[in-house]
Amino acid sequence: MLALVAMLSFASCDDYETYGERKEREQDAISAFIATEGINVIGEDQFHRQGDSTSVEKNEFVYLNNSGVYMQIVRRGCGSPLEEDKQVNVLCRFTEFNILDNAMQLRNDYDSRTLDKMTVVRTGATYTATFVSGAMYSTYGTSVPSGWLVPLSYINVGRQSRPDEEIARVKLIVPHSQGQSYASQNVYPCFYDITYQRER
C-alpha cells in the first residue's frame, strides 16, 4: 500500500486575493525556504561552467530561468540519458513538501517496493510524460508536473547493475506553474526529493 502523509494540506486563500498577490506570496515563501535551508542559488552560466552540475557540499541549487525551477543534482545517475523518440518507463521515489504550508504532503519512500511509474517520451529537447501508477497517479491523476521533467535534460536514467552504481537523484523547488494540479490551482510551491530509474 502506498504510504501517504498529511494528504493535501491546501493553502488557505482569501477569496478576494488576486492572482498577482498569490504569486507574490508564493515567491516570498520560496525566498524564505531558500534562506532557512541555507541554499546557495547559482545561475545557469555557473551551472554550465561546472559541467551542468551542482555542489551538494555547498548546497547549490541552479535557478533555471525558462521554468522557474530550482534544481540540485545530488547524483547524475548510472546508465545514459533517455533516447529520442522512444517510450520509456521511468520509476520514481519521492517526497513532496508543501513550502507554503510548511508540511510534508505526499511521499512514497517508506517501502523499497513502492514506486511511482511514468511513461516518458523525448522528442529533441522536449519531454512528455504520463503517470500510470503510484501515489502521484492516485492523488493527482495522469498528468506529470512539468517540474519533474526538467532534470531529464541533465541526468542519466538507468538501472543499478553493480554495487558502485547509483540511480539519479535530484532535489527541486517547483513553483505552481510547473507543479501538480492542486499546486497550480491553489498557487503554492513544492519541494521535491526524487530518484529516477529505468524500469528495464
N, C-alpha and C. Protein backbone atom coordinates (compact mmCIF):
# COMPACT_ATOMS: atom_id res chain seq x y z
N MET A 1 0.85 -1.19 0.00
CA MET A 1 0.00 0.00 0.00
C MET A 1 0.88 1.24 0.00
N LEU A 2 0.48 2.24 -0.78
CA LEU A 2 1.26 3.47 -0.85
C LEU A 2 1.17 4.22 0.46
N ALA A 3 2.32 4.72 0.88
CA ALA A 3 2.36 5.50 2.12
C ALA A 3 2.15 6.96 1.80
N LEU A 4 1.11 7.52 2.34
CA LEU A 4 0.80 8.92 2.11
C LEU A 4 0.83 9.65 3.43
N VAL A 5 1.31 10.88 3.42
CA VAL A 5 1.44 11.64 4.66
C VAL A 5 0.76 12.98 4.51
N ALA A 6 -0.02 13.35 5.54
CA ALA A 6 -0.61 14.69 5.61
C ALA A 6 -1.22 15.09 4.28
N MET A 7 -2.17 14.30 3.83
CA MET A 7 -2.68 14.44 2.48
C MET A 7 -3.20 15.84 2.19
N LEU A 8 -2.56 16.47 1.24
CA LEU A 8 -3.04 17.69 0.62
C LEU A 8 -3.56 18.73 1.58
N SER A 9 -2.62 19.28 2.32
CA SER A 9 -2.95 20.43 3.19
C SER A 9 -2.94 21.67 2.32
N PHE A 10 -4.10 22.10 1.91
CA PHE A 10 -4.17 23.18 0.93
C PHE A 10 -3.90 24.53 1.57
N ALA A 11 -3.25 25.40 0.79
CA ALA A 11 -3.01 26.76 1.24
C ALA A 11 -4.34 27.51 1.29
N SER A 12 -4.63 28.10 2.44
CA SER A 12 -5.86 28.86 2.55
C SER A 12 -5.66 30.22 1.90
N CYS A 13 -6.65 30.63 1.13
CA CYS A 13 -6.53 31.89 0.40
C CYS A 13 -7.75 32.76 0.66
N ASP A 14 -7.50 34.03 0.86
CA ASP A 14 -8.58 34.99 0.96
C ASP A 14 -9.33 35.00 -0.38
N ASP A 15 -10.66 34.99 -0.33
CA ASP A 15 -11.46 34.95 -1.54
C ASP A 15 -11.19 36.16 -2.44
N TYR A 16 -10.73 37.26 -1.83
CA TYR A 16 -10.52 38.48 -2.60
C TYR A 16 -9.05 38.68 -2.97
N GLU A 17 -8.23 37.73 -2.68
CA GLU A 17 -6.81 37.83 -3.01
C GLU A 17 -6.64 37.64 -4.51
N THR A 18 -5.90 38.55 -5.14
CA THR A 18 -5.70 38.46 -6.58
C THR A 18 -4.65 37.40 -6.90
N TYR A 19 -4.64 36.98 -8.15
CA TYR A 19 -3.64 36.01 -8.59
C TYR A 19 -2.23 36.58 -8.41
N GLY A 20 -2.08 37.87 -8.72
CA GLY A 20 -0.78 38.51 -8.54
C GLY A 20 -0.33 38.47 -7.08
N GLU A 21 -1.25 38.69 -6.16
CA GLU A 21 -0.92 38.64 -4.73
C GLU A 21 -0.56 37.23 -4.30
N ARG A 22 -1.25 36.25 -4.86
CA ARG A 22 -0.95 34.86 -4.51
C ARG A 22 0.42 34.46 -5.05
N LYS A 23 0.76 34.94 -6.25
CA LYS A 23 2.09 34.67 -6.81
C LYS A 23 3.18 35.32 -5.96
N GLU A 24 2.90 36.54 -5.49
CA GLU A 24 3.87 37.23 -4.64
C GLU A 24 4.06 36.47 -3.33
N ARG A 25 2.99 35.98 -2.76
CA ARG A 25 3.08 35.19 -1.54
C ARG A 25 3.87 33.91 -1.78
N GLU A 26 3.66 33.30 -2.94
CA GLU A 26 4.42 32.09 -3.29
C GLU A 26 5.92 32.40 -3.36
N GLN A 27 6.27 33.50 -4.03
CA GLN A 27 7.68 33.85 -4.15
C GLN A 27 8.30 34.17 -2.80
N ASP A 28 7.55 34.82 -1.93
CA ASP A 28 8.04 35.10 -0.57
C ASP A 28 8.30 33.78 0.17
N ALA A 29 7.42 32.80 -0.01
CA ALA A 29 7.60 31.50 0.65
C ALA A 29 8.84 30.79 0.12
N ILE A 30 9.07 30.88 -1.19
CA ILE A 30 10.27 30.27 -1.78
C ILE A 30 11.53 30.94 -1.23
N SER A 31 11.51 32.27 -1.18
CA SER A 31 12.69 33.00 -0.68
C SER A 31 12.98 32.65 0.77
N ALA A 32 11.93 32.53 1.57
CA ALA A 32 12.11 32.18 2.99
C ALA A 32 12.64 30.75 3.12
N PHE A 33 12.15 29.84 2.29
CA PHE A 33 12.60 28.45 2.31
C PHE A 33 14.09 28.37 1.94
N ILE A 34 14.48 29.10 0.92
CA ILE A 34 15.89 29.12 0.49
C ILE A 34 16.78 29.63 1.62
N ALA A 35 16.34 30.67 2.31
CA ALA A 35 17.12 31.22 3.41
C ALA A 35 17.19 30.24 4.58
N THR A 36 16.06 29.67 4.94
CA THR A 36 16.00 28.76 6.09
C THR A 36 16.85 27.51 5.85
N GLU A 37 16.83 27.00 4.62
CA GLU A 37 17.56 25.77 4.29
C GLU A 37 19.02 26.03 3.92
N GLY A 38 19.43 27.29 3.93
CA GLY A 38 20.82 27.61 3.62
C GLY A 38 21.21 27.25 2.19
N ILE A 39 20.29 27.42 1.27
CA ILE A 39 20.53 27.07 -0.14
C ILE A 39 21.34 28.17 -0.81
N ASN A 40 22.34 27.77 -1.55
CA ASN A 40 23.19 28.68 -2.31
C ASN A 40 22.73 28.63 -3.77
N VAL A 41 22.04 29.67 -4.22
CA VAL A 41 21.49 29.70 -5.57
C VAL A 41 22.57 30.16 -6.55
N ILE A 42 22.76 29.38 -7.62
CA ILE A 42 23.70 29.76 -8.68
C ILE A 42 22.93 29.95 -9.98
N GLY A 43 23.54 30.69 -10.91
CA GLY A 43 22.92 30.93 -12.20
C GLY A 43 23.26 29.84 -13.19
N GLU A 44 22.59 29.88 -14.32
CA GLU A 44 22.81 28.86 -15.34
C GLU A 44 24.22 28.92 -15.93
N ASP A 45 24.79 30.11 -16.04
CA ASP A 45 26.16 30.22 -16.58
C ASP A 45 27.14 29.46 -15.71
N GLN A 46 27.05 29.67 -14.39
CA GLN A 46 27.93 28.94 -13.48
C GLN A 46 27.65 27.45 -13.53
N PHE A 47 26.39 27.08 -13.59
CA PHE A 47 25.99 25.67 -13.68
C PHE A 47 26.64 25.01 -14.89
N HIS A 48 26.60 25.68 -16.03
CA HIS A 48 27.20 25.11 -17.25
C HIS A 48 28.72 25.07 -17.14
N ARG A 49 29.32 26.09 -16.52
CA ARG A 49 30.78 26.08 -16.34
C ARG A 49 31.21 24.91 -15.46
N GLN A 50 30.35 24.50 -14.56
CA GLN A 50 30.65 23.39 -13.66
C GLN A 50 30.29 22.04 -14.27
N GLY A 51 30.06 22.03 -15.60
CA GLY A 51 29.73 20.78 -16.26
C GLY A 51 28.31 20.33 -16.00
N ASP A 52 27.38 21.30 -15.92
CA ASP A 52 25.97 21.02 -15.62
C ASP A 52 25.84 20.24 -14.32
N SER A 53 26.53 20.73 -13.31
CA SER A 53 26.50 20.07 -12.00
C SER A 53 26.32 21.11 -10.90
N THR A 54 25.86 20.63 -9.75
CA THR A 54 25.71 21.46 -8.56
C THR A 54 26.46 20.80 -7.41
N SER A 55 27.05 21.60 -6.56
CA SER A 55 27.79 21.08 -5.42
C SER A 55 26.83 20.79 -4.27
N VAL A 56 26.77 19.51 -3.89
CA VAL A 56 25.95 19.14 -2.74
C VAL A 56 26.57 19.69 -1.46
N GLU A 57 27.90 19.66 -1.40
CA GLU A 57 28.61 20.14 -0.21
C GLU A 57 28.32 21.62 0.05
N LYS A 58 28.19 22.40 -1.01
CA LYS A 58 27.88 23.83 -0.88
C LYS A 58 26.38 24.09 -0.90
N ASN A 59 25.59 23.03 -0.97
CA ASN A 59 24.13 23.13 -1.03
C ASN A 59 23.69 24.04 -2.17
N GLU A 60 24.28 23.83 -3.34
CA GLU A 60 23.96 24.64 -4.51
C GLU A 60 22.70 24.14 -5.22
N PHE A 61 21.88 25.07 -5.60
CA PHE A 61 20.74 24.84 -6.48
C PHE A 61 20.88 25.81 -7.65
N VAL A 62 20.69 25.32 -8.86
CA VAL A 62 20.71 26.22 -10.01
C VAL A 62 19.29 26.71 -10.26
N TYR A 63 19.16 28.01 -10.52
CA TYR A 63 17.87 28.57 -10.90
C TYR A 63 17.78 28.53 -12.42
N LEU A 64 16.76 27.84 -12.92
CA LEU A 64 16.58 27.67 -14.36
C LEU A 64 15.53 28.67 -14.84
N ASN A 65 15.99 29.63 -15.63
CA ASN A 65 15.16 30.77 -15.99
C ASN A 65 13.88 30.39 -16.73
N ASN A 66 13.98 29.47 -17.67
CA ASN A 66 12.82 29.17 -18.50
C ASN A 66 11.65 28.58 -17.71
N SER A 67 11.97 27.78 -16.71
CA SER A 67 10.92 27.10 -15.95
C SER A 67 10.64 27.74 -14.59
N GLY A 68 11.63 28.46 -14.04
CA GLY A 68 11.48 28.98 -12.69
C GLY A 68 11.76 27.93 -11.62
N VAL A 69 12.25 26.76 -12.04
CA VAL A 69 12.57 25.66 -11.12
C VAL A 69 13.99 25.85 -10.57
N TYR A 70 14.16 25.54 -9.29
CA TYR A 70 15.49 25.47 -8.67
C TYR A 70 15.85 23.99 -8.57
N MET A 71 17.06 23.62 -8.99
CA MET A 71 17.42 22.20 -9.06
C MET A 71 18.80 21.94 -8.46
N GLN A 72 18.89 20.91 -7.66
CA GLN A 72 20.17 20.37 -7.21
C GLN A 72 20.29 18.94 -7.72
N ILE A 73 21.36 18.67 -8.44
CA ILE A 73 21.63 17.30 -8.89
C ILE A 73 22.47 16.63 -7.81
N VAL A 74 21.84 15.77 -7.04
CA VAL A 74 22.54 15.05 -5.97
C VAL A 74 23.40 13.95 -6.58
N ARG A 75 22.82 13.19 -7.51
CA ARG A 75 23.55 12.15 -8.25
C ARG A 75 23.10 12.22 -9.71
N ARG A 76 24.05 12.24 -10.62
CA ARG A 76 23.71 12.26 -12.05
C ARG A 76 23.13 10.93 -12.50
N GLY A 77 23.52 9.84 -11.84
CA GLY A 77 22.94 8.55 -12.13
C GLY A 77 23.75 7.69 -13.09
N CYS A 78 23.45 6.41 -13.07
CA CYS A 78 24.11 5.46 -13.96
C CYS A 78 23.33 5.35 -15.26
N GLY A 79 23.92 4.64 -16.21
CA GLY A 79 23.24 4.47 -17.49
C GLY A 79 23.48 5.66 -18.40
N SER A 80 22.46 6.05 -19.15
CA SER A 80 22.59 7.10 -20.14
C SER A 80 21.33 7.96 -20.15
N PRO A 81 21.39 9.14 -20.81
CA PRO A 81 20.18 9.96 -20.94
C PRO A 81 19.11 9.20 -21.72
N LEU A 82 17.87 9.63 -21.58
CA LEU A 82 16.79 8.99 -22.32
C LEU A 82 16.98 9.18 -23.83
N GLU A 83 16.70 8.13 -24.57
CA GLU A 83 16.84 8.17 -26.01
C GLU A 83 15.70 8.98 -26.63
N GLU A 84 15.93 9.46 -27.83
CA GLU A 84 14.89 10.19 -28.55
C GLU A 84 13.88 9.23 -29.16
N ASP A 85 12.64 9.69 -29.23
CA ASP A 85 11.56 9.00 -29.94
C ASP A 85 11.37 7.56 -29.49
N LYS A 86 11.52 7.35 -28.19
CA LYS A 86 11.30 6.02 -27.63
C LYS A 86 10.56 6.17 -26.31
N GLN A 87 9.48 5.42 -26.13
CA GLN A 87 8.76 5.47 -24.87
C GLN A 87 9.46 4.62 -23.83
N VAL A 88 9.76 5.24 -22.69
CA VAL A 88 10.50 4.57 -21.62
C VAL A 88 9.69 4.65 -20.33
N ASN A 89 9.63 3.56 -19.62
CA ASN A 89 9.01 3.56 -18.29
C ASN A 89 10.05 3.98 -17.26
N VAL A 90 9.74 5.02 -16.52
CA VAL A 90 10.66 5.56 -15.50
C VAL A 90 10.01 5.40 -14.14
N LEU A 91 10.77 4.85 -13.19
CA LEU A 91 10.30 4.61 -11.83
C LEU A 91 10.89 5.67 -10.90
N CYS A 92 10.06 6.20 -10.01
CA CYS A 92 10.49 7.28 -9.13
C CYS A 92 10.09 7.01 -7.68
N ARG A 93 10.99 7.36 -6.77
CA ARG A 93 10.64 7.53 -5.36
C ARG A 93 10.76 9.02 -5.05
N PHE A 94 9.91 9.50 -4.15
CA PHE A 94 9.90 10.95 -3.95
C PHE A 94 9.30 11.31 -2.60
N THR A 95 9.59 12.53 -2.18
CA THR A 95 8.84 13.21 -1.13
C THR A 95 8.38 14.54 -1.69
N GLU A 96 7.18 14.95 -1.30
CA GLU A 96 6.60 16.22 -1.75
C GLU A 96 6.28 17.06 -0.52
N PHE A 97 6.94 18.21 -0.42
CA PHE A 97 6.78 19.11 0.73
C PHE A 97 6.14 20.40 0.26
N ASN A 98 5.02 20.75 0.87
CA ASN A 98 4.32 22.00 0.56
C ASN A 98 5.06 23.14 1.26
N ILE A 99 5.75 23.97 0.48
CA ILE A 99 6.56 25.04 1.06
C ILE A 99 5.70 26.11 1.72
N LEU A 100 4.57 26.41 1.12
CA LEU A 100 3.71 27.47 1.67
C LEU A 100 3.12 27.06 3.01
N ASP A 101 2.67 25.82 3.13
CA ASP A 101 2.07 25.34 4.37
C ASP A 101 3.10 24.74 5.32
N ASN A 102 4.36 24.62 4.87
CA ASN A 102 5.43 24.05 5.68
C ASN A 102 5.04 22.65 6.18
N ALA A 103 4.60 21.81 5.23
CA ALA A 103 4.10 20.49 5.61
C ALA A 103 4.45 19.45 4.56
N MET A 104 4.84 18.24 5.05
CA MET A 104 5.01 17.13 4.14
C MET A 104 3.63 16.74 3.63
N GLN A 105 3.51 16.61 2.32
CA GLN A 105 2.20 16.47 1.71
C GLN A 105 1.97 15.08 1.13
N LEU A 106 2.99 14.52 0.51
CA LEU A 106 2.84 13.23 -0.15
C LEU A 106 4.20 12.59 -0.28
N ARG A 107 4.26 11.26 -0.18
CA ARG A 107 5.55 10.58 -0.32
C ARG A 107 5.32 9.11 -0.63
N ASN A 108 6.35 8.47 -1.19
CA ASN A 108 6.25 7.04 -1.45
C ASN A 108 7.56 6.32 -1.08
N ASP A 109 8.34 6.95 -0.20
CA ASP A 109 9.68 6.43 0.09
C ASP A 109 9.75 5.58 1.36
N TYR A 110 8.61 5.16 1.90
CA TYR A 110 8.63 4.34 3.10
C TYR A 110 9.04 2.90 2.82
N ASP A 111 8.67 2.39 1.66
CA ASP A 111 8.84 0.98 1.34
C ASP A 111 9.63 0.86 0.05
N SER A 112 10.69 0.05 0.06
CA SER A 112 11.54 -0.08 -1.12
C SER A 112 10.78 -0.66 -2.31
N ARG A 113 9.65 -1.30 -2.06
CA ARG A 113 8.86 -1.89 -3.15
C ARG A 113 7.87 -0.90 -3.74
N THR A 114 7.75 0.27 -3.14
CA THR A 114 6.77 1.26 -3.57
C THR A 114 7.42 2.27 -4.51
N LEU A 115 6.91 2.35 -5.72
CA LEU A 115 7.44 3.25 -6.72
C LEU A 115 6.30 3.89 -7.50
N ASP A 116 6.54 5.10 -7.99
CA ASP A 116 5.62 5.69 -8.96
C ASP A 116 6.18 5.41 -10.35
N LYS A 117 5.30 5.10 -11.28
CA LYS A 117 5.75 4.81 -12.65
C LYS A 117 5.14 5.81 -13.61
N MET A 118 6.01 6.34 -14.50
CA MET A 118 5.53 7.21 -15.56
C MET A 118 6.15 6.77 -16.88
N THR A 119 5.39 6.95 -17.95
CA THR A 119 5.93 6.72 -19.28
C THR A 119 6.42 8.05 -19.82
N VAL A 120 7.63 8.04 -20.40
CA VAL A 120 8.26 9.28 -20.86
C VAL A 120 8.70 9.11 -22.31
N VAL A 121 8.47 10.15 -23.10
CA VAL A 121 8.96 10.19 -24.48
C VAL A 121 9.74 11.48 -24.66
N ARG A 122 10.93 11.36 -25.21
CA ARG A 122 11.76 12.53 -25.52
C ARG A 122 11.71 12.80 -27.02
N THR A 123 11.39 14.04 -27.37
CA THR A 123 11.42 14.48 -28.76
C THR A 123 12.34 15.69 -28.83
N GLY A 124 13.56 15.48 -29.28
CA GLY A 124 14.55 16.54 -29.22
C GLY A 124 14.85 16.89 -27.77
N ALA A 125 14.65 18.16 -27.41
CA ALA A 125 14.88 18.59 -26.03
C ALA A 125 13.59 18.63 -25.23
N THR A 126 12.50 18.14 -25.81
CA THR A 126 11.19 18.19 -25.16
C THR A 126 10.81 16.81 -24.62
N TYR A 127 10.33 16.80 -23.37
CA TYR A 127 9.91 15.56 -22.73
C TYR A 127 8.41 15.64 -22.42
N THR A 128 7.71 14.57 -22.73
CA THR A 128 6.31 14.45 -22.35
C THR A 128 6.17 13.17 -21.53
N ALA A 129 5.26 13.19 -20.57
CA ALA A 129 5.16 12.04 -19.67
C ALA A 129 3.74 11.91 -19.12
N THR A 130 3.43 10.69 -18.69
CA THR A 130 2.14 10.37 -18.10
C THR A 130 2.34 9.40 -16.95
N PHE A 131 1.74 9.68 -15.80
CA PHE A 131 1.77 8.72 -14.70
C PHE A 131 0.82 7.56 -15.02
N VAL A 132 1.27 6.36 -14.70
CA VAL A 132 0.42 5.18 -14.91
C VAL A 132 0.13 4.44 -13.62
N SER A 133 0.89 4.70 -12.57
CA SER A 133 0.63 4.08 -11.27
C SER A 133 1.40 4.82 -10.19
N GLY A 134 0.98 4.62 -8.93
CA GLY A 134 1.70 5.19 -7.81
C GLY A 134 0.93 6.28 -7.08
N ALA A 135 1.61 6.91 -6.12
CA ALA A 135 0.98 7.92 -5.27
C ALA A 135 0.59 9.17 -6.04
N MET A 136 1.45 9.63 -6.93
CA MET A 136 1.12 10.82 -7.72
C MET A 136 -0.09 10.54 -8.61
N TYR A 137 -0.11 9.37 -9.23
CA TYR A 137 -1.23 8.98 -10.08
C TYR A 137 -2.52 8.92 -9.28
N SER A 138 -2.47 8.30 -8.10
CA SER A 138 -3.66 8.15 -7.28
C SER A 138 -4.18 9.48 -6.76
N THR A 139 -3.26 10.42 -6.51
CA THR A 139 -3.62 11.70 -5.90
C THR A 139 -3.97 12.77 -6.92
N TYR A 140 -3.16 12.88 -7.98
CA TYR A 140 -3.32 13.99 -8.91
C TYR A 140 -3.74 13.57 -10.32
N GLY A 141 -3.74 12.27 -10.61
CA GLY A 141 -4.11 11.82 -11.94
C GLY A 141 -2.89 11.55 -12.82
N THR A 142 -3.12 11.49 -14.11
CA THR A 142 -2.07 11.05 -15.04
C THR A 142 -1.04 12.13 -15.37
N SER A 143 -1.38 13.39 -15.17
CA SER A 143 -0.52 14.49 -15.60
C SER A 143 0.74 14.58 -14.73
N VAL A 144 1.90 14.55 -15.37
CA VAL A 144 3.18 14.69 -14.67
C VAL A 144 3.55 16.17 -14.56
N PRO A 145 3.88 16.66 -13.37
CA PRO A 145 4.29 18.07 -13.26
C PRO A 145 5.46 18.37 -14.19
N SER A 146 5.39 19.49 -14.87
CA SER A 146 6.48 19.87 -15.77
C SER A 146 7.81 19.94 -15.03
N GLY A 147 7.76 20.35 -13.75
CA GLY A 147 8.99 20.44 -12.97
C GLY A 147 9.70 19.11 -12.80
N TRP A 148 8.95 18.02 -12.79
CA TRP A 148 9.56 16.69 -12.68
C TRP A 148 10.36 16.33 -13.92
N LEU A 149 10.05 16.93 -15.06
CA LEU A 149 10.71 16.60 -16.31
C LEU A 149 11.96 17.44 -16.57
N VAL A 150 12.08 18.56 -15.86
CA VAL A 150 13.22 19.45 -16.05
C VAL A 150 14.56 18.73 -15.87
N PRO A 151 14.75 17.88 -14.83
CA PRO A 151 16.06 17.24 -14.64
C PRO A 151 16.46 16.27 -15.75
N LEU A 152 15.50 15.79 -16.54
CA LEU A 152 15.80 14.75 -17.52
C LEU A 152 16.80 15.19 -18.57
N SER A 153 16.96 16.49 -18.75
CA SER A 153 17.96 17.01 -19.70
C SER A 153 19.38 16.91 -19.15
N TYR A 154 19.52 16.63 -17.84
CA TYR A 154 20.83 16.71 -17.19
C TYR A 154 21.25 15.43 -16.49
N ILE A 155 20.39 14.42 -16.45
CA ILE A 155 20.72 13.20 -15.69
C ILE A 155 20.68 11.98 -16.60
N ASN A 156 21.22 10.88 -16.09
CA ASN A 156 21.12 9.58 -16.74
C ASN A 156 19.99 8.80 -16.08
N VAL A 157 19.27 8.07 -16.89
CA VAL A 157 18.16 7.27 -16.36
C VAL A 157 18.45 5.80 -16.70
N GLY A 158 19.09 5.12 -15.74
CA GLY A 158 19.44 3.71 -15.94
C GLY A 158 19.00 2.89 -14.75
N ARG A 159 19.55 1.68 -14.68
CA ARG A 159 19.29 0.80 -13.55
C ARG A 159 20.62 0.40 -12.91
N GLN A 160 20.61 0.26 -11.61
CA GLN A 160 21.81 -0.15 -10.90
C GLN A 160 22.12 -1.60 -11.22
N SER A 161 23.33 -1.84 -11.76
CA SER A 161 23.73 -3.21 -12.09
C SER A 161 24.96 -3.65 -11.31
N ARG A 162 25.62 -2.68 -10.65
CA ARG A 162 26.80 -3.00 -9.83
C ARG A 162 26.69 -2.24 -8.52
N PRO A 163 27.32 -2.73 -7.46
CA PRO A 163 27.25 -2.05 -6.16
C PRO A 163 27.75 -0.61 -6.19
N ASP A 164 28.68 -0.31 -7.10
CA ASP A 164 29.26 1.04 -7.15
C ASP A 164 28.43 2.00 -8.00
N GLU A 165 27.32 1.53 -8.57
CA GLU A 165 26.47 2.40 -9.36
C GLU A 165 25.29 2.91 -8.53
N GLU A 166 24.85 4.13 -8.82
CA GLU A 166 23.71 4.70 -8.13
C GLU A 166 22.76 5.34 -9.13
N ILE A 167 21.46 5.24 -8.86
CA ILE A 167 20.49 5.86 -9.75
C ILE A 167 20.44 7.37 -9.49
N ALA A 168 19.90 8.09 -10.46
CA ALA A 168 19.86 9.55 -10.39
C ALA A 168 18.96 10.02 -9.26
N ARG A 169 19.39 11.12 -8.64
CA ARG A 169 18.60 11.73 -7.57
C ARG A 169 18.72 13.25 -7.69
N VAL A 170 17.60 13.94 -7.58
CA VAL A 170 17.60 15.40 -7.64
C VAL A 170 16.71 15.97 -6.54
N LYS A 171 16.96 17.23 -6.22
CA LYS A 171 16.09 17.99 -5.34
C LYS A 171 15.61 19.20 -6.13
N LEU A 172 14.32 19.49 -6.00
CA LEU A 172 13.71 20.55 -6.80
C LEU A 172 12.83 21.46 -5.95
N ILE A 173 12.89 22.75 -6.23
CA ILE A 173 11.88 23.69 -5.77
C ILE A 173 11.04 24.02 -7.00
N VAL A 174 9.77 23.66 -6.94
CA VAL A 174 8.91 23.75 -8.12
C VAL A 174 7.80 24.77 -7.87
N PRO A 175 7.76 25.86 -8.64
CA PRO A 175 6.67 26.82 -8.49
C PRO A 175 5.36 26.23 -9.01
N HIS A 176 4.26 26.86 -8.65
CA HIS A 176 2.95 26.31 -9.02
C HIS A 176 2.78 26.13 -10.52
N SER A 177 3.41 27.00 -11.29
CA SER A 177 3.26 26.96 -12.75
C SER A 177 3.87 25.70 -13.36
N GLN A 178 4.76 25.04 -12.61
CA GLN A 178 5.41 23.82 -13.08
C GLN A 178 5.01 22.61 -12.23
N GLY A 179 4.00 22.81 -11.37
CA GLY A 179 3.68 21.79 -10.38
C GLY A 179 2.48 20.93 -10.74
N GLN A 180 2.08 20.10 -9.77
CA GLN A 180 0.92 19.25 -9.95
C GLN A 180 -0.36 20.09 -9.91
N SER A 181 -1.49 19.43 -10.20
CA SER A 181 -2.72 20.17 -10.44
C SER A 181 -3.19 20.99 -9.24
N TYR A 182 -3.05 20.46 -8.02
CA TYR A 182 -3.51 21.20 -6.84
C TYR A 182 -2.62 22.40 -6.56
N ALA A 183 -1.31 22.23 -6.77
CA ALA A 183 -0.39 23.36 -6.61
C ALA A 183 -0.70 24.45 -7.62
N SER A 184 -0.98 24.05 -8.84
CA SER A 184 -1.30 25.00 -9.90
C SER A 184 -2.58 25.77 -9.59
N GLN A 185 -3.59 25.05 -9.12
CA GLN A 185 -4.88 25.68 -8.83
C GLN A 185 -4.81 26.59 -7.61
N ASN A 186 -4.03 26.20 -6.61
CA ASN A 186 -4.00 26.92 -5.34
C ASN A 186 -2.77 27.81 -5.16
N VAL A 187 -1.92 27.86 -6.17
CA VAL A 187 -0.74 28.74 -6.23
C VAL A 187 0.16 28.55 -5.02
N TYR A 188 0.76 27.36 -4.93
CA TYR A 188 1.77 27.13 -3.90
C TYR A 188 2.94 26.32 -4.47
N PRO A 189 4.15 26.54 -3.94
CA PRO A 189 5.33 25.83 -4.42
C PRO A 189 5.58 24.57 -3.61
N CYS A 190 6.25 23.61 -4.23
CA CYS A 190 6.60 22.37 -3.55
C CYS A 190 8.10 22.10 -3.65
N PHE A 191 8.61 21.45 -2.64
CA PHE A 191 9.99 20.96 -2.64
C PHE A 191 9.94 19.45 -2.81
N TYR A 192 10.70 18.96 -3.79
CA TYR A 192 10.73 17.53 -4.07
C TYR A 192 12.14 16.97 -3.92
N ASP A 193 12.21 15.74 -3.43
CA ASP A 193 13.43 14.94 -3.45
C ASP A 193 13.04 13.69 -4.24
N ILE A 194 13.62 13.48 -5.44
CA ILE A 194 13.16 12.45 -6.37
C ILE A 194 14.33 11.62 -6.88
N THR A 195 14.12 10.31 -6.98
CA THR A 195 15.05 9.44 -7.71
C THR A 195 14.38 8.99 -9.00
N TYR A 196 15.21 8.76 -10.02
CA TYR A 196 14.74 8.32 -11.34
C TYR A 196 15.50 7.07 -11.76
N GLN A 197 14.79 6.04 -12.17
CA GLN A 197 15.46 4.87 -12.71
C GLN A 197 14.62 4.26 -13.81
N ARG A 198 15.28 3.63 -14.75
CA ARG A 198 14.59 2.95 -15.84
C ARG A 198 13.97 1.66 -15.31
N GLU A 199 12.78 1.33 -15.81
CA GLU A 199 12.13 0.11 -15.33
C GLU A 199 12.89 -1.13 -15.79
N ARG A 200 13.32 -1.13 -17.04
CA ARG A 200 14.10 -2.28 -17.54
C ARG A 200 14.80 -1.88 -18.83
